Amino acid sequence: MNDDIATTAFSWVKSAEHLRALADTWLQCSALMIDTEFMRTDTFYPIAALIQINDGRTTYLLDPLHITELAPLAGVLQAPQVLKVFHACSEDLEVFQTLLGVLPQPLYDTQIAAAMFGEAFSLGYAGLMKTLLDVDVPKGETRSNWLRRPLSDSQCLYAAMDVSYLYHGFKLLYARGEALGRNHWVIADGERMLNNQRLMQLTDRQHLKVKSGWKLSPRELAVLCQLCEFREQRVRKLNIPRNRWLKDGLLWEIAKTKPRQQQDLDNIQGLAGSFSRNNAGRILSIVENALSLSPRQLPSVLPKPLSSDTTDLVKRFRRVATSAAEANGIAVEVLLKKKEIEQLVRDRPQSLADLPEALLGWRAELFGSELLQALHETSSAAR
């Protein structure tokens, strides 16, 4: 390991004026390494505690508890000419969306890149740095209190290493991606992550996450949809975790039983009496509203789990993905996920353009025709 990689030096961003000056410099960079430290123990929204940025020359630590005028940083995060490099960034995206109301783009996630360039799927930061740089990243501050002030020396060094090592790891990965012609894959998947993060903010999609929602009738599902929206409004306003206010299982139970009066609510096992009394009016109103909807206003039932007679087709799709992954040195989990297999089985696409959205683009080019061939062969055998 050379001395440049071993460095743990960093510089504090000391004021809003300092940030503005740095932002002008960062806008001239081709790529920035970024990480965040945050706390989210008892809140719905993550609380940003530290932002780390490496521009290829210097590692900077920015304290969002001290500097609150962060508009220049938001501008940098949205600058199309600057690549934003993270590792496993789904939580970082939430931090920036909450703190600044923007998402960093274009986005390059080194965890995704590693899996596309021959390394293991879902490789952690420490594992990737060990693989690429032969460095051992300490983990002692992972669970420390990042809202505490002043931060300890070990916290600051830990935070600085996250982006200083990332810079060196990114250079190696990007060069490998250039040689393979796959860096645009990483950026395309980064855009998918950004789109998914935007969808997570919509209050009308939360019912899709409730287990066994497929067991509900359209009218019961209408109750669930409205209950989930009600919960989402409440927890965001109160800034508490969803299940701290009302668990998914109780949402499902209310939707299934469709209570019409207070006593019906009180009879639901596990529903606290205080919660029932405080929210009965709204919950009973939601049920009444769902019961008054015409059939045309009801949502469609959610798809059931795949039946056993689709097992052969599922296996065929998995074999196609495994073959493509092995032939191209890619982790198979990057190519085809369980939910995409399920959608393929249900939709039975007839052309590349009909493939699920997640499989369009480079995935369709890589093995889309083979997926369609597997579907055709299975259909022919069934006739």
Protein backbone atom coordinates (compact mmCIF):
# COMPACT_ATOMS: atom_id res chain seq x y z
CA MET A 1 0.00 0.00 0.00
CA ASN A 2 1.53 3.38 -1.00
CA ASP A 3 1.60 6.51 1.12
CA ASP A 4 -1.04 8.30 -0.93
CA ILE A 5 -3.58 5.60 -0.20
CA ALA A 6 -2.60 5.49 3.46
CA THR A 7 -3.24 9.20 4.07
CA THR A 8 -5.99 10.13 6.53
CA ALA A 9 -5.54 13.92 6.30
CA PHE A 10 -8.68 16.01 6.04
CA SER A 11 -9.82 19.61 6.11
CA TRP A 12 -12.92 21.00 7.81
CA VAL A 13 -15.35 23.16 5.85
CA LYS A 14 -15.52 25.99 8.33
CA SER A 15 -18.21 28.38 7.09
CA ALA A 16 -20.88 29.04 4.48
CA GLU A 17 -18.39 31.30 2.68
CA HIS A 18 -15.83 28.51 2.65
CA LEU A 19 -18.45 26.11 1.25
CA ARG A 20 -19.37 28.54 -1.54
CA ALA A 21 -15.73 28.83 -2.55
CA LEU A 22 -15.26 25.06 -2.49
CA ALA A 23 -18.45 24.53 -4.47
CA ASP A 24 -17.05 26.66 -7.30
CA THR A 25 -13.95 24.45 -7.28
CA TRP A 26 -15.93 21.21 -7.11
CA LEU A 27 -17.97 22.23 -10.15
CA GLN A 28 -14.74 21.97 -12.14
CA CYS A 29 -14.10 18.37 -11.03
CA SER A 30 -14.94 15.36 -13.17
CA ALA A 31 -15.91 13.29 -10.11
CA LEU A 32 -16.44 13.70 -6.36
CA MET A 33 -16.31 10.97 -3.72
CA ILE A 34 -19.15 11.47 -1.24
CA ASP A 35 -20.33 9.80 1.95
CA THR A 36 -22.56 10.76 4.87
CA GLU A 37 -22.88 9.92 8.53
CA PHE A 38 -26.36 10.15 10.01
CA MET A 39 -28.60 8.97 12.82
CA ARG A 40 -32.02 7.35 12.46
CA THR A 41 -32.85 5.54 15.66
CA ASP A 42 -36.23 7.00 16.56
CA THR A 43 -37.12 9.15 13.56
CA PHE A 44 -38.79 8.75 10.18
CA TYR A 45 -36.27 11.01 8.49
CA PRO A 46 -32.50 10.50 8.77
CA ILE A 47 -30.66 13.25 10.65
CA ALA A 48 -27.56 14.29 8.72
CA ALA A 49 -24.58 14.48 11.07
CA LEU A 50 -21.58 14.73 8.72
CA ILE A 51 -20.88 15.00 5.00
CA GLN A 52 -17.54 13.81 3.60
CA ILE A 53 -16.27 14.84 0.17
CA ASN A 54 -13.03 13.98 -1.60
CA ASP A 55 -12.23 15.85 -4.82
CA GLY A 56 -9.14 13.81 -5.75
CA ARG A 57 -6.81 16.15 -3.91
CA THR A 58 -8.31 16.83 -0.48
CA THR A 59 -10.79 15.18 1.84
CA TYR A 60 -13.29 17.62 3.36
CA LEU A 61 -15.57 17.17 6.33
CA LEU A 62 -18.69 19.33 6.44
CA ASP A 63 -20.79 19.61 9.59
CA PRO A 64 -24.46 20.20 8.62
CA LEU A 65 -25.26 20.91 12.27
CA HIS A 66 -22.93 23.91 12.08
CA ILE A 67 -23.29 25.07 8.48
CA THR A 68 -26.95 25.25 7.52
CA GLU A 69 -26.63 27.34 4.34
CA LEU A 70 -26.08 24.39 2.03
CA ALA A 71 -27.48 25.66 -1.27
CA PRO A 72 -24.02 25.63 -2.93
CA LEU A 73 -23.69 21.93 -2.10
CA ALA A 74 -27.12 21.25 -3.57
CA GLY A 75 -25.97 22.91 -6.77
CA VAL A 76 -22.90 20.69 -6.93
CA LEU A 77 -24.95 17.55 -6.32
CA GLN A 78 -27.16 18.37 -9.30
CA ALA A 79 -24.38 19.50 -11.66
CA PRO A 80 -24.55 17.17 -14.71
CA GLN A 81 -20.83 17.48 -15.50
CA VAL A 82 -19.69 16.16 -12.10
CA LEU A 83 -19.96 12.42 -11.40
CA LYS A 84 -21.02 11.71 -7.80
CA VAL A 85 -19.35 8.56 -6.48
CA PHE A 86 -20.74 6.65 -3.48
CA HIS A 87 -20.60 3.14 -2.10
CA ALA A 88 -23.97 1.47 -1.38
CA CYS A 89 -25.68 4.82 -1.46
CA SER A 90 -29.41 4.13 -0.91
CA GLU A 91 -29.36 5.63 2.60
CA ASP A 92 -27.17 8.53 1.50
CA LEU A 93 -29.81 9.39 -1.10
CA GLU A 94 -32.41 9.65 1.65
CA VAL A 95 -30.09 11.89 3.65
CA PHE A 96 -29.65 14.38 0.82
CA GLN A 97 -33.30 14.31 -0.17
CA THR A 98 -34.25 15.10 3.43
CA LEU A 99 -31.50 17.65 4.06
CA LEU A 100 -31.42 19.47 0.72
CA GLY A 101 -34.46 18.34 -1.22
CA VAL A 102 -32.25 17.13 -4.07
CA LEU A 103 -30.66 13.88 -5.20
CA PRO A 104 -27.04 13.56 -6.38
CA GLN A 105 -26.78 12.92 -10.11
CA PRO A 106 -25.24 11.56 -12.22
CA LEU A 107 -24.57 8.75 -9.79
CA TYR A 108 -21.82 6.09 -9.72
CA ASP A 109 -22.15 3.44 -7.00
CA THR A 110 -18.95 1.44 -6.50
CA GLN A 111 -20.85 -1.49 -4.98
CA ILE A 112 -22.83 -1.84 -8.21
CA ALA A 113 -19.71 -1.30 -10.32
CA ALA A 114 -17.78 -4.01 -8.48
CA ALA A 115 -20.54 -6.56 -9.09
CA MET A 116 -20.61 -5.63 -12.80
CA PHE A 117 -16.83 -5.84 -13.13
CA GLY A 118 -16.19 -9.30 -11.71
CA GLU A 119 -16.38 -8.86 -7.94
CA ALA A 120 -18.95 -10.29 -5.53
CA PHE A 121 -22.50 -8.98 -5.31
CA SER A 122 -23.32 -6.52 -2.51
CA LEU A 123 -19.70 -6.24 -1.42
CA GLY A 124 -19.34 -4.02 1.64
CA TYR A 125 -17.08 -0.99 1.68
CA ALA A 126 -14.40 -2.60 3.84
CA GLY A 127 -14.45 -5.74 1.71
CA LEU A 128 -14.14 -3.79 -1.51
CA MET A 129 -11.24 -1.68 -0.24
CA LYS A 130 -9.48 -4.85 0.92
CA THR A 131 -10.01 -6.42 -2.50
CA LEU A 132 -8.98 -3.39 -4.56
CA LEU A 133 -6.38 -1.68 -2.37
CA ASP A 134 -5.34 -4.32 0.18
CA VAL A 135 -6.20 -1.96 3.02
CA ASP A 136 -8.02 -2.81 6.24
CA VAL A 137 -10.69 -0.23 6.95
CA PRO A 138 -11.42 0.03 10.70
CA LYS A 139 -15.05 -0.47 11.69
CA GLY A 140 -14.94 0.74 15.28
CA GLU A 141 -16.96 3.92 14.71
CA THR A 142 -19.69 2.44 12.51
CA ARG A 143 -22.32 2.56 15.26
CA SER A 144 -21.04 5.55 17.20
CA ASN A 145 -23.10 8.65 18.01
CA TRP A 146 -22.49 10.95 15.04
CA LEU A 147 -24.64 13.72 16.51
CA ARG A 148 -22.32 14.10 19.48
CA ARG A 149 -20.19 17.23 19.48
CA PRO A 150 -17.31 17.52 19.40
CA LEU A 151 -16.64 14.48 17.26
CA SER A 152 -13.74 12.37 18.49
CA ASP A 153 -10.47 12.12 16.57
CA SER A 154 -11.24 8.49 15.74
CA GLN A 155 -14.67 9.45 14.33
CA CYS A 156 -13.11 12.11 12.13
CA LEU A 157 -10.41 9.76 10.85
CA TYR A 158 -12.97 7.03 10.18
CA ALA A 159 -15.15 9.46 8.24
CA ALA A 160 -12.21 10.80 6.25
CA MET A 161 -11.00 7.33 5.29
CA ASP A 162 -14.40 6.50 3.85
CA VAL A 163 -13.90 8.93 0.97
CA SER A 164 -10.10 9.03 0.71
CA TYR A 165 -9.93 5.27 0.14
CA LEU A 166 -13.01 5.50 -2.07
CA TYR A 167 -11.14 7.82 -4.42
CA HIS A 168 -8.38 5.28 -5.02
CA GLY A 169 -10.85 2.39 -5.30
CA PHE A 170 -12.99 4.34 -7.75
CA LYS A 171 -10.00 5.07 -10.00
CA LEU A 172 -9.28 1.35 -10.28
CA LEU A 173 -12.94 0.43 -10.86
CA TYR A 174 -13.50 3.18 -13.41
CA ALA A 175 -10.44 2.11 -15.39
CA ARG A 176 -11.72 -1.47 -15.35
CA GLY A 177 -15.14 -0.24 -16.45
CA GLU A 178 -13.58 1.71 -19.32
CA ALA A 179 -11.70 -1.38 -20.49
CA LEU A 180 -14.90 -3.44 -20.35
CA GLY A 181 -17.08 -0.71 -21.82
CA ARG A 182 -19.44 -0.90 -18.84
CA ASN A 183 -19.23 2.38 -16.97
CA HIS A 184 -22.41 3.52 -18.66
CA TRP A 185 -24.10 0.46 -17.11
CA VAL A 186 -23.21 1.73 -13.65
CA ILE A 187 -24.54 5.21 -14.38
CA ALA A 188 -27.73 3.76 -15.87
CA ASP A 189 -28.30 1.70 -12.73
CA GLY A 190 -27.58 4.82 -10.68
CA GLU A 191 -30.43 6.53 -12.48
CA ARG A 192 -32.67 3.58 -11.61
CA MET A 193 -31.74 4.02 -7.95
CA LEU A 194 -32.63 7.70 -8.15
CA ASN A 195 -35.99 6.90 -9.73
CA ASN A 196 -36.71 4.33 -7.02
CA GLN A 197 -35.86 6.91 -4.35
CA ARG A 198 -38.29 9.37 -5.93
CA LEU A 199 -41.02 6.72 -5.95
CA MET A 200 -40.41 6.02 -2.25
CA GLN A 201 -41.54 9.55 -1.50
CA LEU A 202 -44.99 8.96 -2.99
CA THR A 203 -47.58 8.32 -0.32
CA ASP A 204 -49.86 6.28 -2.60
CA ARG A 205 -47.47 3.34 -3.07
CA GLN A 206 -46.88 2.29 0.52
CA HIS A 207 -49.56 -0.44 0.41
CA LEU A 208 -47.39 -2.38 -2.04
CA LYS A 209 -44.96 -3.10 0.79
CA VAL A 210 -47.54 -4.68 3.11
CA LYS A 211 -47.12 -8.46 3.19
CA SER A 212 -50.08 -10.58 2.08
CA GLY A 213 -51.72 -7.60 0.41
CA TRP A 214 -52.52 -9.98 -2.45
CA LYS A 215 -54.95 -11.80 -0.17
CA LEU A 216 -57.24 -8.77 0.04
CA SER A 217 -60.27 -8.18 -2.15
CA PRO A 218 -60.43 -4.94 -4.20
CA ARG A 219 -62.60 -3.28 -1.55
CA GLU A 220 -60.34 -4.43 1.28
CA LEU A 221 -57.38 -3.21 -0.73
CA ALA A 222 -59.05 0.19 -1.08
CA VAL A 223 -59.15 0.36 2.73
CA LEU A 224 -55.48 -0.63 2.94
CA CYS A 225 -54.43 1.99 0.38
CA GLN A 226 -56.14 4.78 2.29
CA LEU A 227 -54.87 3.53 5.66
CA CYS A 228 -51.30 3.49 4.36
CA GLU A 229 -51.65 7.05 3.08
CA PHE A 230 -53.06 8.12 6.46
CA ARG A 231 -50.15 6.49 8.26
CA GLU A 232 -47.64 8.06 5.89
CA GLN A 233 -49.03 11.53 6.52
CA ARG A 234 -48.95 11.02 10.27
CA VAL A 235 -45.45 9.54 10.61
CA ARG A 236 -43.92 12.17 8.36
CA LYS A 237 -45.56 14.91 10.38
CA LEU A 238 -44.57 13.33 13.71
CA ASN A 239 -41.16 12.22 12.35
CA ILE A 240 -41.38 8.72 13.80
CA PRO A 241 -40.83 5.28 12.18
CA ARG A 242 -43.86 3.78 10.44
CA ASN A 243 -44.11 0.72 12.65
CA ARG A 244 -43.73 2.87 15.76
CA TRP A 245 -47.10 4.41 14.91
CA LEU A 246 -48.89 1.38 13.44
CA LYS A 247 -47.43 -1.90 12.21
CA ASP A 248 -48.08 -3.30 8.75
CA GLY A 249 -49.84 -6.35 10.17
CA LEU A 250 -52.41 -4.18 11.94
CA LEU A 251 -53.00 -2.15 8.79
CA TRP A 252 -53.75 -5.41 7.00
CA GLU A 253 -56.05 -6.60 9.80
CA ILE A 254 -58.05 -3.38 9.77
CA ALA A 255 -58.38 -3.59 5.98
CA LYS A 256 -59.51 -7.20 6.20
CA THR A 257 -62.09 -6.74 8.98
CA LYS A 258 -63.36 -3.31 7.82
CA PRO A 259 -64.48 -2.08 11.27
CA ARG A 260 -67.63 0.04 11.28
CA GLN A 261 -67.65 1.22 14.88
CA GLN A 262 -65.36 1.77 17.85
CA GLN A 263 -66.08 -1.66 19.32
CA ASP A 264 -64.95 -3.33 16.10
CA LEU A 265 -61.62 -1.54 16.38
CA ASP A 266 -61.29 -2.49 20.04
CA ASN A 267 -61.70 -6.15 19.08
CA ILE A 268 -58.64 -6.14 16.81
CA GLN A 269 -55.91 -8.01 18.68
CA GLY A 270 -52.73 -6.01 19.16
CA LEU A 271 -54.29 -2.61 18.50
CA ALA A 272 -53.62 -0.41 21.52
CA GLY A 273 -56.69 1.06 23.13
CA SER A 274 -55.20 4.55 23.22
CA PHE A 275 -54.35 4.38 19.53
CA SER A 276 -57.85 3.14 18.72
CA ARG A 277 -59.51 5.97 20.65
CA ASN A 278 -57.25 8.69 19.25
CA ASN A 279 -57.59 7.62 15.62
CA ALA A 280 -60.99 5.90 15.47
CA GLY A 281 -62.69 8.81 13.71
CA ARG A 282 -60.27 8.86 10.79
CA ILE A 283 -59.98 5.08 10.50
CA LEU A 284 -63.75 4.50 10.53
CA SER A 285 -64.14 7.30 7.99
CA ILE A 286 -61.59 5.59 5.72
CA VAL A 287 -63.51 2.31 5.93
CA GLU A 288 -66.81 4.03 5.24
CA ASN A 289 -65.32 5.80 2.23
CA ALA A 290 -63.90 2.55 0.81
CA LEU A 291 -67.26 0.82 1.25
CA SER A 292 -68.98 3.59 -0.69
CA LEU A 293 -66.73 3.33 -3.74
CA SER A 294 -68.24 1.98 -6.93
CA PRO A 295 -66.65 -1.17 -8.41
CA ARG A 296 -64.96 0.95 -11.09
CA GLN A 297 -63.25 3.06 -8.42
CA LEU A 298 -61.69 0.09 -6.64
CA PRO A 299 -58.02 -0.80 -7.12
CA SER A 300 -57.07 -3.99 -8.92
CA VAL A 301 -56.10 -6.91 -6.72
CA LEU A 302 -52.38 -7.41 -6.22
CA PRO A 303 -50.76 -10.36 -8.04
CA LYS A 304 -50.62 -13.65 -6.17
CA PRO A 305 -47.33 -15.47 -5.58
CA LEU A 306 -46.30 -17.63 -8.50
CA SER A 307 -47.93 -21.06 -8.61
CA SER A 308 -46.00 -24.32 -8.75
CA ASP A 309 -46.74 -24.81 -12.46
CA THR A 310 -44.43 -21.90 -13.28
CA THR A 311 -41.41 -23.52 -11.63
CA ASP A 312 -39.91 -24.74 -14.90
CA LEU A 313 -40.09 -21.29 -16.48
CA VAL A 314 -38.58 -19.66 -13.41
CA LYS A 315 -35.67 -22.11 -13.54
CA ARG A 316 -35.17 -21.42 -17.24
CA PHE A 317 -34.97 -17.68 -16.63
CA ARG A 318 -32.47 -18.23 -13.82
CA ARG A 319 -30.34 -20.45 -16.04
CA VAL A 320 -30.32 -17.81 -18.76
CA ALA A 321 -29.22 -15.15 -16.28
CA THR A 322 -26.58 -17.41 -14.73
CA SER A 323 -25.16 -18.27 -18.15
CA ALA A 324 -24.99 -14.59 -19.15
CA ALA A 325 -23.41 -13.66 -15.82
CA GLU A 326 -20.73 -16.34 -16.06
CA ALA A 327 -19.96 -15.50 -19.67
CA ASN A 328 -19.46 -11.84 -18.84
CA GLY A 329 -17.91 -12.04 -15.37
CA ILE A 330 -20.88 -10.39 -13.65
CA ALA A 331 -22.60 -11.24 -10.38
CA VAL A 332 -25.86 -12.90 -11.45
CA GLU A 333 -27.85 -10.94 -8.85
CA VAL A 334 -27.07 -7.77 -10.82
CA LEU A 335 -28.70 -9.15 -13.94
CA LEU A 336 -31.99 -10.61 -12.77
CA LYS A 337 -33.79 -10.27 -9.44
CA LYS A 338 -36.66 -12.31 -8.06
CA LYS A 339 -39.28 -9.62 -8.65
CA GLU A 340 -38.19 -9.29 -12.28
CA ILE A 341 -38.49 -13.04 -12.79
CA GLU A 342 -42.01 -12.90 -11.35
CA GLN A 343 -42.92 -10.06 -13.70
CA LEU A 344 -41.53 -11.97 -16.69
CA VAL A 345 -43.63 -15.01 -15.77
CA ARG A 346 -46.79 -12.95 -15.37
CA ASP A 347 -46.39 -10.63 -18.37
CA ARG A 348 -45.00 -13.15 -20.88
CA PRO A 349 -43.36 -10.45 -23.05
CA GLN A 350 -43.24 -11.05 -26.78
CA SER A 351 -40.47 -8.63 -27.72
CA LEU A 352 -37.48 -6.87 -26.19
CA ALA A 353 -39.54 -3.68 -25.93
CA ASP A 354 -42.06 -5.57 -23.77
CA LEU A 355 -39.51 -6.62 -21.17
CA PRO A 356 -39.96 -5.22 -17.64
CA GLU A 357 -38.55 -1.70 -17.36
CA ALA A 358 -35.75 -2.90 -15.08
CA LEU A 359 -34.51 -5.22 -17.86
CA LEU A 360 -34.45 -2.66 -20.64
CA GLY A 361 -31.25 -0.99 -21.80
CA TRP A 362 -27.97 -2.85 -21.42
CA ARG A 363 -29.59 -5.91 -19.80
CA ALA A 364 -31.89 -6.40 -22.79
CA GLU A 365 -28.89 -6.10 -25.09
CA LEU A 366 -26.90 -8.60 -23.04
CA PHE A 367 -29.42 -11.40 -22.57
CA GLY A 368 -32.91 -10.19 -23.47
CA SER A 369 -33.18 -12.38 -26.57
CA GLU A 370 -32.25 -15.45 -24.51
CA LEU A 371 -35.00 -14.65 -21.98
CA LEU A 372 -37.56 -14.43 -24.78
CA GLN A 373 -36.27 -17.68 -26.27
CA ALA A 374 -36.67 -19.44 -22.90
CA LEU A 375 -40.23 -18.16 -22.72
CA HIS A 376 -40.98 -19.32 -26.27
CA GLU A 377 -39.54 -22.79 -25.63
CA THR A 378 -41.59 -23.20 -22.49
CA SER A 379 -44.76 -22.07 -24.26
CA SER A 380 -44.11 -24.44 -27.16
CA ALA A 381 -43.53 -27.38 -24.81
CA ALA A 382 -46.80 -26.67 -23.03
CA ARG A 383 -48.82 -26.91 -26.26
